[in-house]
Amino acid sequence: MDNYNKQSLNSMNDGSLVSVLKTLLFFTIMMITLPIGLYFTSKSYIFEASGYSSNDSYFYAAIVAVIAVHVVLALFVYVAWNEGSGSHQTREGKQD
């Protein structure tokens, strides 16, 4: 019986660890690809197509990329906060 409880606790910890690692991997990929993709896409298709000069399009595309970085970071903090509070509530519920 005692051995069963240890195995179930280990499997729950492994499951939450895998979930956390998947979340971290997803946001890492998003942090790399989204700002770079938006930079080049907005530079070519939005700013240069609208008639901005080359230097201006670089500047405005960089602003778009910085905003994308901040959005991804804010989403990561939101998801991490909710994951942490959700697992904390289930632990408290099990102790009662």
PDB file of N, CA and C in Angstrom:
ATOM      1  N   MET A   1       0.828  -1.192   0.000  1.00  0.00           N
ATOM      2  CA  MET A   1       0.000   0.000   0.000  1.00  0.00           C
ATOM      3  C   MET A   1       0.866   1.246   0.000  1.00  0.00           C
ATOM      4  N   ASP A   2       1.879   1.280   0.861  1.00  0.00           N
ATOM      5  CA  ASP A   2       2.758   2.442   0.945  1.00  0.00           C
ATOM      6  C   ASP A   2       3.535   2.613  -0.352  1.00  0.00           C
ATOM      7  N   ASN A   3       3.933   1.513  -0.957  1.00  0.00           N
ATOM      8  CA  ASN A   3       4.654   1.552  -2.228  1.00  0.00           C
ATOM      9  C   ASN A   3       3.772   2.112  -3.335  1.00  0.00           C
ATOM     10  N   TYR A   4       2.498   1.782  -3.323  1.00  0.00           N
ATOM     11  CA  TYR A   4       1.548   2.282  -4.320  1.00  0.00           C
ATOM     12  C   TYR A   4       1.418   3.797  -4.246  1.00  0.00           C
ATOM     13  N   ASN A   5       1.346   4.340  -3.030  1.00  0.00           N
ATOM     14  CA  ASN A   5       1.211   5.787  -2.863  1.00  0.00           C
ATOM     15  C   ASN A   5       2.437   6.525  -3.381  1.00  0.00           C
ATOM     16  N   LYS A   6       3.619   5.987  -3.161  1.00  0.00           N
ATOM     17  CA  LYS A   6       4.837   6.621  -3.666  1.00  0.00           C
ATOM     18  C   LYS A   6       4.868   6.611  -5.190  1.00  0.00           C
ATOM     19  N   GLN A   7       4.425   5.504  -5.795  1.00  0.00           N
ATOM     20  CA  GLN A   7       4.407   5.427  -7.251  1.00  0.00           C
ATOM     21  C   GLN A   7       3.403   6.401  -7.842  1.00  0.00           C
ATOM     22  N   SER A   8       2.247   6.540  -7.229  1.00  0.00           N
ATOM     23  CA  SER A   8       1.251   7.464  -7.757  1.00  0.00           C
ATOM     24  C   SER A   8       1.712   8.904  -7.604  1.00  0.00           C
ATOM     25  N   LEU A   9       2.407   9.230  -6.515  1.00  0.00           N
ATOM     26  CA  LEU A   9       2.935  10.584  -6.341  1.00  0.00           C
ATOM     27  C   LEU A   9       4.029  10.875  -7.358  1.00  0.00           C
ATOM     28  N   ASN A  10       4.894   9.898  -7.609  1.00  0.00           N
ATOM     29  CA  ASN A  10       5.944  10.098  -8.602  1.00  0.00           C
ATOM     30  C   ASN A  10       5.372  10.295  -9.992  1.00  0.00           C
ATOM     31  N   SER A  11       4.340   9.535 -10.339  1.00  0.00           N
ATOM     32  CA  SER A  11       3.752   9.683 -11.667  1.00  0.00           C
ATOM     33  C   SER A  11       3.045  11.024 -11.804  1.00  0.00           C
ATOM     34  N   MET A  12       2.437  11.532 -10.729  1.00  0.00           N
ATOM     35  CA  MET A  12       1.814  12.861 -10.790  1.00  0.00           C
ATOM     36  C   MET A  12       2.871  13.939 -10.969  1.00  0.00           C
ATOM     37  N   ASN A  13       3.998  13.822 -10.277  1.00  0.00           N
ATOM     38  CA  ASN A  13       5.070  14.802 -10.417  1.00  0.00           C
ATOM     39  C   ASN A  13       5.672  14.759 -11.811  1.00  0.00           C
ATOM     40  N   ASP A  14       5.826  13.555 -12.377  1.00  0.00           N
ATOM     41  CA  ASP A  14       6.354  13.425 -13.727  1.00  0.00           C
ATOM     42  C   ASP A  14       5.400  14.039 -14.741  1.00  0.00           C
ATOM     43  N   GLY A  15       4.105  13.849 -14.544  1.00  0.00           N
ATOM     44  CA  GLY A  15       3.111  14.426 -15.443  1.00  0.00           C
ATOM     45  C   GLY A  15       3.116  15.938 -15.405  1.00  0.00           C
ATOM     46  N   SER A  16       3.245  16.517 -14.215  1.00  0.00           N
ATOM     47  CA  SER A  16       3.274  17.976 -14.131  1.00  0.00           C
ATOM     48  C   SER A  16       4.599  18.507 -14.668  1.00  0.00           C
ATOM     49  N   LEU A  17       5.675  17.755 -14.494  1.00  0.00           N
ATOM     50  CA  LEU A  17       6.968  18.175 -15.035  1.00  0.00           C
ATOM     51  C   LEU A  17       6.934  18.178 -16.561  1.00  0.00           C
ATOM     52  N   VAL A  18       6.345  17.166 -17.141  1.00  0.00           N
ATOM     53  CA  VAL A  18       6.215  17.107 -18.598  1.00  0.00           C
ATOM     54  C   VAL A  18       5.354  18.262 -19.090  1.00  0.00           C
ATOM     55  N   SER A  19       4.287  18.559 -18.376  1.00  0.00           N
ATOM     56  CA  SER A  19       3.418  19.672 -18.745  1.00  0.00           C
ATOM     57  C   SER A  19       4.166  21.001 -18.691  1.00  0.00           C
ATOM     58  N   VAL A  20       4.946  21.193 -17.657  1.00  0.00           N
ATOM     59  CA  VAL A  20       5.721  22.434 -17.518  1.00  0.00           C
ATOM     60  C   VAL A  20       6.765  22.527 -18.623  1.00  0.00           C
ATOM     61  N   LEU A  21       7.429  21.417 -18.931  1.00  0.00           N
ATOM     62  CA  LEU A  21       8.439  21.438 -19.980  1.00  0.00           C
ATOM     63  C   LEU A  21       7.828  21.696 -21.354  1.00  0.00           C
ATOM     64  N   LYS A  22       6.631  21.145 -21.608  1.00  0.00           N
ATOM     65  CA  LYS A  22       5.945  21.418 -22.868  1.00  0.00           C
ATOM     66  C   LYS A  22       5.583  22.890 -22.982  1.00  0.00           C
ATOM     67  N   THR A  23       5.099  23.466 -21.892  1.00  0.00           N
ATOM     68  CA  THR A  23       4.762  24.890 -21.886  1.00  0.00           C
ATOM     69  C   THR A  23       6.007  25.728 -22.135  1.00  0.00           C
ATOM     70  N   LEU A  24       7.087  25.397 -21.460  1.00  0.00           N
ATOM     71  CA  LEU A  24       8.329  26.141 -21.629  1.00  0.00           C
ATOM     72  C   LEU A  24       8.863  26.020 -23.051  1.00  0.00           C
ATOM     73  N   LEU A  25       8.806  24.829 -23.620  1.00  0.00           N
ATOM     74  CA  LEU A  25       9.269  24.621 -24.989  1.00  0.00           C
ATOM     75  C   LEU A  25       8.412  25.409 -25.984  1.00  0.00           C
ATOM     76  N   PHE A  26       7.098  25.395 -25.783  1.00  0.00           N
ATOM     77  CA  PHE A  26       6.199  26.133 -26.660  1.00  0.00           C
ATOM     78  C   PHE A  26       6.521  27.624 -26.639  1.00  0.00           C
ATOM     79  N   PHE A  27       6.670  28.190 -25.454  1.00  0.00           N
ATOM     80  CA  PHE A  27       6.938  29.627 -25.374  1.00  0.00           C
ATOM     81  C   PHE A  27       8.355  29.974 -25.815  1.00  0.00           C
ATOM     82  N   THR A  28       9.292  29.062 -25.678  1.00  0.00           N
ATOM     83  CA  THR A  28      10.641  29.295 -26.196  1.00  0.00           C
ATOM     84  C   THR A  28      10.622  29.382 -27.720  1.00  0.00           C
ATOM     85  N   ILE A  29       9.904  28.455 -28.343  1.00  0.00           N
ATOM     86  CA  ILE A  29       9.789  28.488 -29.803  1.00  0.00           C
ATOM     87  C   ILE A  29       9.070  29.751 -30.254  1.00  0.00           C
ATOM     88  N   MET A  30       8.010  30.109 -29.535  1.00  0.00           N
ATOM     89  CA  MET A  30       7.275  31.331 -29.873  1.00  0.00           C
ATOM     90  C   MET A  30       8.150  32.569 -29.699  1.00  0.00           C
ATOM     91  N   MET A  31       8.998  32.580 -28.674  1.00  0.00           N
ATOM     92  CA  MET A  31       9.862  33.731 -28.415  1.00  0.00           C
ATOM     93  C   MET A  31      10.892  33.907 -29.527  1.00  0.00           C
ATOM     94  N   ILE A  32      11.279  32.811 -30.155  1.00  0.00           N
ATOM     95  CA  ILE A  32      12.269  32.899 -31.226  1.00  0.00           C
ATOM     96  C   ILE A  32      11.606  33.209 -32.562  1.00  0.00           C
ATOM     97  N   THR A  33      10.562  32.492 -32.893  1.00  0.00           N
ATOM     98  CA  THR A  33       9.998  32.588 -34.241  1.00  0.00           C
ATOM     99  C   THR A  33       9.063  33.771 -34.446  1.00  0.00           C
ATOM    100  N   LEU A  34       8.229  34.074 -33.479  1.00  0.00           N
ATOM    101  CA  LEU A  34       7.224  35.119 -33.675  1.00  0.00           C
ATOM    102  C   LEU A  34       7.836  36.505 -33.904  1.00  0.00           C
ATOM    103  N   PRO A  35       8.745  36.988 -33.054  1.00  0.00           N
ATOM    104  CA  PRO A  35       9.304  38.323 -33.313  1.00  0.00           C
ATOM    105  C   PRO A  35      10.096  38.401 -34.621  1.00  0.00           C
ATOM    106  N   ILE A  36      10.867  37.361 -34.924  1.00  0.00           N
ATOM    107  CA  ILE A  36      11.651  37.384 -36.163  1.00  0.00           C
ATOM    108  C   ILE A  36      10.735  37.342 -37.372  1.00  0.00           C
ATOM    109  N   GLY A  37       9.734  36.464 -37.320  1.00  0.00           N
ATOM    110  CA  GLY A  37       8.786  36.384 -38.427  1.00  0.00           C
ATOM    111  C   GLY A  37       8.004  37.668 -38.620  1.00  0.00           C
ATOM    112  N   LEU A  38       7.534  38.243 -37.515  1.00  0.00           N
ATOM    113  CA  LEU A  38       6.804  39.504 -37.625  1.00  0.00           C
ATOM    114  C   LEU A  38       7.691  40.646 -38.101  1.00  0.00           C
ATOM    115  N   TYR A  39       8.954  40.624 -37.713  1.00  0.00           N
ATOM    116  CA  TYR A  39       9.876  41.674 -38.152  1.00  0.00           C
ATOM    117  C   TYR A  39       9.976  41.694 -39.673  1.00  0.00           C
ATOM    118  N   PHE A  40      10.323  40.560 -40.245  1.00  0.00           N
ATOM    119  CA  PHE A  40      10.521  40.519 -41.694  1.00  0.00           C
ATOM    120  C   PHE A  40       9.205  40.654 -42.462  1.00  0.00           C
ATOM    121  N   THR A  41       8.145  40.076 -41.926  1.00  0.00           N
ATOM    122  CA  THR A  41       6.850  40.178 -42.602  1.00  0.00           C
ATOM    123  C   THR A  41       6.339  41.608 -42.598  1.00  0.00           C
ATOM    124  N   SER A  42       6.388  42.247 -41.443  1.00  0.00           N
ATOM    125  CA  SER A  42       5.889  43.622 -41.378  1.00  0.00           C
ATOM    126  C   SER A  42       6.785  44.571 -42.162  1.00  0.00           C
ATOM    127  N   LYS A  43       8.077  44.326 -42.168  1.00  0.00           N
ATOM    128  CA  LYS A  43       8.986  45.184 -42.925  1.00  0.00           C
ATOM    129  C   LYS A  43       8.687  45.102 -44.412  1.00  0.00           C
ATOM    130  N   SER A  44       8.548  43.899 -44.927  1.00  0.00           N
ATOM    131  CA  SER A  44       8.365  43.725 -46.367  1.00  0.00           C
ATOM    132  C   SER A  44       6.949  44.037 -46.834  1.00  0.00           C
ATOM    133  N   TYR A  45       5.970  43.476 -46.142  1.00  0.00           N
ATOM    134  CA  TYR A  45       4.603  43.519 -46.657  1.00  0.00           C
ATOM    135  C   TYR A  45       3.770  44.677 -46.134  1.00  0.00           C
ATOM    136  N   ILE A  46       4.159  45.254 -45.015  1.00  0.00           N
ATOM    137  CA  ILE A  46       3.359  46.353 -44.479  1.00  0.00           C
ATOM    138  C   ILE A  46       4.046  47.691 -44.716  1.00  0.00           C
ATOM    139  N   PHE A  47       5.269  47.827 -44.207  1.00  0.00           N
ATOM    140  CA  PHE A  47       5.896  49.147 -44.208  1.00  0.00           C
ATOM    141  C   PHE A  47       6.496  49.518 -45.557  1.00  0.00           C
ATOM    142  N   GLU A  48       7.251  48.602 -46.173  1.00  0.00           N
ATOM    143  CA  GLU A  48       7.817  48.942 -47.487  1.00  0.00           C
ATOM    144  C   GLU A  48       6.729  49.001 -48.557  1.00  0.00           C
ATOM    145  N   ALA A  49       5.680  48.178 -48.430  1.00  0.00           N
ATOM    146  CA  ALA A  49       4.578  48.217 -49.388  1.00  0.00           C
ATOM    147  C   ALA A  49       3.755  49.487 -49.235  1.00  0.00           C
ATOM    148  N   SER A  50       3.795  50.090 -48.041  1.00  0.00           N
ATOM    149  CA  SER A  50       3.058  51.335 -47.809  1.00  0.00           C
ATOM    150  C   SER A  50       3.834  52.561 -48.263  1.00  0.00           C
ATOM    151  N   GLY A  51       5.058  52.383 -48.692  1.00  0.00           N
ATOM    152  CA  GLY A  51       5.839  53.494 -49.211  1.00  0.00           C
ATOM    153  C   GLY A  51       6.836  54.097 -48.240  1.00  0.00           C
ATOM    154  N   TYR A  52       7.035  53.461 -47.081  1.00  0.00           N
ATOM    155  CA  TYR A  52       8.050  53.960 -46.154  1.00  0.00           C
ATOM    156  C   TYR A  52       9.440  53.709 -46.725  1.00  0.00           C
ATOM    157  N   SER A  53      10.388  54.544 -46.340  1.00  0.00           N
ATOM    158  CA  SER A  53      11.766  54.334 -46.783  1.00  0.00           C
ATOM    159  C   SER A  53      12.338  53.093 -46.107  1.00  0.00           C
ATOM    160  N   SER A  54      13.480  52.664 -46.593  1.00  0.00           N
ATOM    161  CA  SER A  54      14.101  51.453 -46.059  1.00  0.00           C
ATOM    162  C   SER A  54      14.448  51.626 -44.581  1.00  0.00           C
ATOM    163  N   ASN A  55      15.021  52.783 -44.224  1.00  0.00           N
ATOM    164  CA  ASN A  55      15.391  53.022 -42.826  1.00  0.00           C
ATOM    165  C   ASN A  55      14.163  53.095 -41.921  1.00  0.00           C
ATOM    166  N   ASP A  56      13.110  53.734 -42.394  1.00  0.00           N
ATOM    167  CA  ASP A  56      11.891  53.811 -41.596  1.00  0.00           C
ATOM    168  C   ASP A  56      11.248  52.438 -41.424  1.00  0.00           C
ATOM    169  N   SER A  57      11.263  51.643 -42.478  1.00  0.00           N
ATOM    170  CA  SER A  57      10.654  50.314 -42.362  1.00  0.00           C
ATOM    171  C   SER A  57      11.427  49.428 -41.391  1.00  0.00           C
ATOM    172  N   TYR A  58      12.758  49.569 -41.335  1.00  0.00           N
ATOM    173  CA  TYR A  58      13.539  48.838 -40.335  1.00  0.00           C
ATOM    174  C   TYR A  58      13.113  49.233 -38.923  1.00  0.00           C
ATOM    175  N   PHE A  59      12.969  50.537 -38.729  1.00  0.00           N
ATOM    176  CA  PHE A  59      12.627  51.061 -37.407  1.00  0.00           C
ATOM    177  C   PHE A  59      11.250  50.581 -36.952  1.00  0.00           C
ATOM    178  N   TYR A  60      10.261  50.722 -37.798  1.00  0.00           N
ATOM    179  CA  TYR A  60       8.904  50.331 -37.421  1.00  0.00           C
ATOM    180  C   TYR A  60       8.751  48.817 -37.285  1.00  0.00           C
ATOM    181  N   ALA A  61       9.464  48.074 -38.104  1.00  0.00           N
ATOM    182  CA  ALA A  61       9.430  46.611 -37.985  1.00  0.00           C
ATOM    183  C   ALA A  61      10.073  46.168 -36.667  1.00  0.00           C
ATOM    184  N   ALA A  62      11.102  46.864 -36.232  1.00  0.00           N
ATOM    185  CA  ALA A  62      11.726  46.546 -34.948  1.00  0.00           C
ATOM    186  C   ALA A  62      10.754  46.815 -33.799  1.00  0.00           C
ATOM    187  N   ILE A  63       9.969  47.868 -33.909  1.00  0.00           N
ATOM    188  CA  ILE A  63       8.970  48.155 -32.881  1.00  0.00           C
ATOM    189  C   ILE A  63       7.938  47.032 -32.822  1.00  0.00           C
ATOM    190  N   VAL A  64       7.508  46.545 -33.985  1.00  0.00           N
ATOM    191  CA  VAL A  64       6.550  45.432 -34.029  1.00  0.00           C
ATOM    192  C   VAL A  64       7.151  44.194 -33.369  1.00  0.00           C
ATOM    193  N   ALA A  65       8.426  43.915 -33.619  1.00  0.00           N
ATOM    194  CA  ALA A  65       9.083  42.746 -33.029  1.00  0.00           C
ATOM    195  C   ALA A  65       9.195  42.878 -31.508  1.00  0.00           C
ATOM    196  N   VAL A  66       9.497  44.063 -31.028  1.00  0.00           N
ATOM    197  CA  VAL A  66       9.605  44.281 -29.579  1.00  0.00           C
ATOM    198  C   VAL A  66       8.247  44.105 -28.912  1.00  0.00           C
ATOM    199  N   ILE A  67       7.195  44.599 -29.553  1.00  0.00           N
ATOM    200  CA  ILE A  67       5.847  44.413 -29.009  1.00  0.00           C
ATOM    201  C   ILE A  67       5.492  42.925 -28.978  1.00  0.00           C
ATOM    202  N   ALA A  68       5.887  42.183 -30.006  1.00  0.00           N
ATOM    203  CA  ALA A  68       5.627  40.738 -30.036  1.00  0.00           C
ATOM    204  C   ALA A  68       6.346  40.026 -28.895  1.00  0.00           C
ATOM    205  N   VAL A  69       7.570  40.421 -28.602  1.00  0.00           N
ATOM    206  CA  VAL A  69       8.313  39.823 -27.491  1.00  0.00           C
ATOM    207  C   VAL A  69       7.573  40.064 -26.176  1.00  0.00           C
ATOM    208  N   HIS A  70       7.102  41.282 -25.993  1.00  0.00           N
ATOM    209  CA  HIS A  70       6.393  41.601 -24.752  1.00  0.00           C
ATOM    210  C   HIS A  70       5.076  40.829 -24.638  1.00  0.00           C
ATOM    211  N   VAL A  71       4.389  40.634 -25.737  1.00  0.00           N
ATOM    212  CA  VAL A  71       3.137  39.869 -25.711  1.00  0.00           C
ATOM    213  C   VAL A  71       3.415  38.413 -25.354  1.00  0.00           C
ATOM    214  N   VAL A  72       4.447  37.826 -25.943  1.00  0.00           N
ATOM    215  CA  VAL A  72       4.785  36.428 -25.637  1.00  0.00           C
ATOM    216  C   VAL A  72       5.195  36.293 -24.175  1.00  0.00           C
ATOM    217  N   LEU A  73       5.982  37.235 -23.665  1.00  0.00           N
ATOM    218  CA  LEU A  73       6.373  37.179 -22.259  1.00  0.00           C
ATOM    219  C   LEU A  73       5.175  37.317 -21.331  1.00  0.00           C
ATOM    220  N   ALA A  74       4.259  38.213 -21.657  1.00  0.00           N
ATOM    221  CA  ALA A  74       3.066  38.392 -20.831  1.00  0.00           C
ATOM    222  C   ALA A  74       2.210  37.131 -20.843  1.00  0.00           C
ATOM    223  N   LEU A  75       2.068  36.503 -22.003  1.00  0.00           N
ATOM    224  CA  LEU A  75       1.307  35.256 -22.078  1.00  0.00           C
ATOM    225  C   LEU A  75       1.975  34.141 -21.286  1.00  0.00           C
ATOM    226  N   PHE A  76       3.304  34.093 -21.344  1.00  0.00           N
ATOM    227  CA  PHE A  76       4.021  33.073 -20.576  1.00  0.00           C
ATOM    228  C   PHE A  76       3.802  33.268 -19.080  1.00  0.00           C
ATOM    229  N   VAL A  77       3.896  34.493 -18.610  1.00  0.00           N
ATOM    230  CA  VAL A  77       3.684  34.766 -17.190  1.00  0.00           C
ATOM    231  C   VAL A  77       2.257  34.395 -16.785  1.00  0.00           C
ATOM    232  N   TYR A  78       1.292  34.727 -17.631  1.00  0.00           N
ATOM    233  CA  TYR A  78      -0.104  34.396 -17.344  1.00  0.00           C
ATOM    234  C   TYR A  78      -0.310  32.883 -17.258  1.00  0.00           C
ATOM    235  N   VAL A  79       0.227  32.150 -18.219  1.00  0.00           N
ATOM    236  CA  VAL A  79       0.068  30.691 -18.223  1.00  0.00           C
ATOM    237  C   VAL A  79       0.803  30.069 -17.043  1.00  0.00           C
ATOM    238  N   ALA A  80       2.011  30.531 -16.762  1.00  0.00           N
ATOM    239  CA  ALA A  80       2.776  29.984 -15.641  1.00  0.00           C
ATOM    240  C   ALA A  80       2.087  30.288 -14.315  1.00  0.00           C
ATOM    241  N   TRP A  81       1.516  31.460 -14.182  1.00  0.00           N
ATOM    242  CA  TRP A  81       0.806  31.821 -12.956  1.00  0.00           C
ATOM    243  C   TRP A  81      -0.408  30.910 -12.741  1.00  0.00           C
ATOM    244  N   ASN A  82      -1.151  30.677 -13.806  1.00  0.00           N
ATOM    245  CA  ASN A  82      -2.338  29.834 -13.695  1.00  0.00           C
ATOM    246  C   ASN A  82      -1.981  28.373 -13.471  1.00  0.00           C
ATOM    247  N   GLU A  83      -0.894  27.886 -14.053  1.00  0.00           N
ATOM    248  CA  GLU A  83      -0.459  26.511 -13.799  1.00  0.00           C
ATOM    249  C   GLU A  83      -0.062  26.339 -12.346  1.00  0.00           C
ATOM    250  N   GLY A  84       0.664  27.295 -11.816  1.00  0.00           N
ATOM    251  CA  GLY A  84       1.115  27.215 -10.427  1.00  0.00           C
ATOM    252  C   GLY A  84      -0.029  27.277  -9.448  1.00  0.00           C
ATOM    253  N   SER A  85      -0.975  28.157  -9.669  1.00  0.00           N
ATOM    254  CA  SER A  85      -2.098  28.275  -8.738  1.00  0.00           C
ATOM    255  C   SER A  85      -3.044  27.085  -8.863  1.00  0.00           C
ATOM    256  N   GLY A  86      -3.183  26.509 -10.053  1.00  0.00           N
ATOM    257  CA  GLY A  86      -4.053  25.348 -10.240  1.00  0.00           C
ATOM    258  C   GLY A  86      -3.533  24.126  -9.524  1.00  0.00           C
ATOM    259  N   SER A  87      -2.225  23.877  -9.587  1.00  0.00           N
ATOM    260  CA  SER A  87      -1.674  22.711  -8.909  1.00  0.00           C
ATOM    261  C   SER A  87      -1.674  22.917  -7.396  1.00  0.00           C
ATOM    262  N   HIS A  88      -1.535  24.161  -6.961  1.00  0.00           N
ATOM    263  CA  HIS A  88      -1.551  24.448  -5.526  1.00  0.00           C
ATOM    264  C   HIS A  88      -2.936  24.197  -4.947  1.00  0.00           C
ATOM    265  N   GLN A  89      -3.979  24.531  -5.679  1.00  0.00           N
ATOM    266  CA  GLN A  89      -5.342  24.320  -5.201  1.00  0.00           C
ATOM    267  C   GLN A  89      -5.670  22.833  -5.114  1.00  0.00           C
ATOM    268  N   THR A  90      -5.195  22.046  -6.073  1.00  0.00           N
ATOM    269  CA  THR A  90      -5.501  20.617  -6.025  1.00  0.00           C
ATOM    270  C   THR A  90      -4.778  19.959  -4.865  1.00  0.00           C
ATOM    271  N   ARG A  91      -3.604  20.412  -4.531  1.00  0.00           N
ATOM    272  CA  ARG A  91      -2.908  19.850  -3.377  1.00  0.00           C
ATOM    273  C   ARG A  91      -3.650  20.172  -2.088  1.00  0.00           C
ATOM    274  N   GLU A  92      -4.132  21.396  -1.965  1.00  0.00           N
ATOM    275  CA  GLU A  92      -4.871  21.757  -0.765  1.00  0.00           C
ATOM    276  C   GLU A  92      -6.169  20.961  -0.669  1.00  0.00           C
ATOM    277  N   GLY A  93      -6.822  20.752  -1.806  1.00  0.00           N
ATOM    278  CA  GLY A  93      -8.067  19.989  -1.810  1.00  0.00           C
ATOM    279  C   GLY A  93      -7.846  18.550  -1.389  1.00  0.00           C
ATOM    280  N   LYS A  94      -6.712  17.971  -1.736  1.00  0.00           N
ATOM    281  CA  LYS A  94      -6.441  16.585  -1.390  1.00  0.00           C
ATOM    282  C   LYS A  94      -6.098  16.446   0.097  1.00  0.00           C
ATOM    283  N   GLN A  95      -5.550  17.473   0.700  1.00  0.00           N
ATOM    284  CA  GLN A  95      -5.177  17.391   2.109  1.00  0.00           C
ATOM    285  C   GLN A  95      -6.412  17.469   3.010  1.00  0.00           C
ATOM    286  N   ASP A  96      -7.445  18.136   2.583  1.00  0.00           N
ATOM    287  CA  ASP A  96      -8.642  18.297   3.415  1.00  0.00           C
ATOM    288  C   ASP A  96      -9.405  17.061   3.550  1.00  0.00           C
TER     289      ASP A  96
END
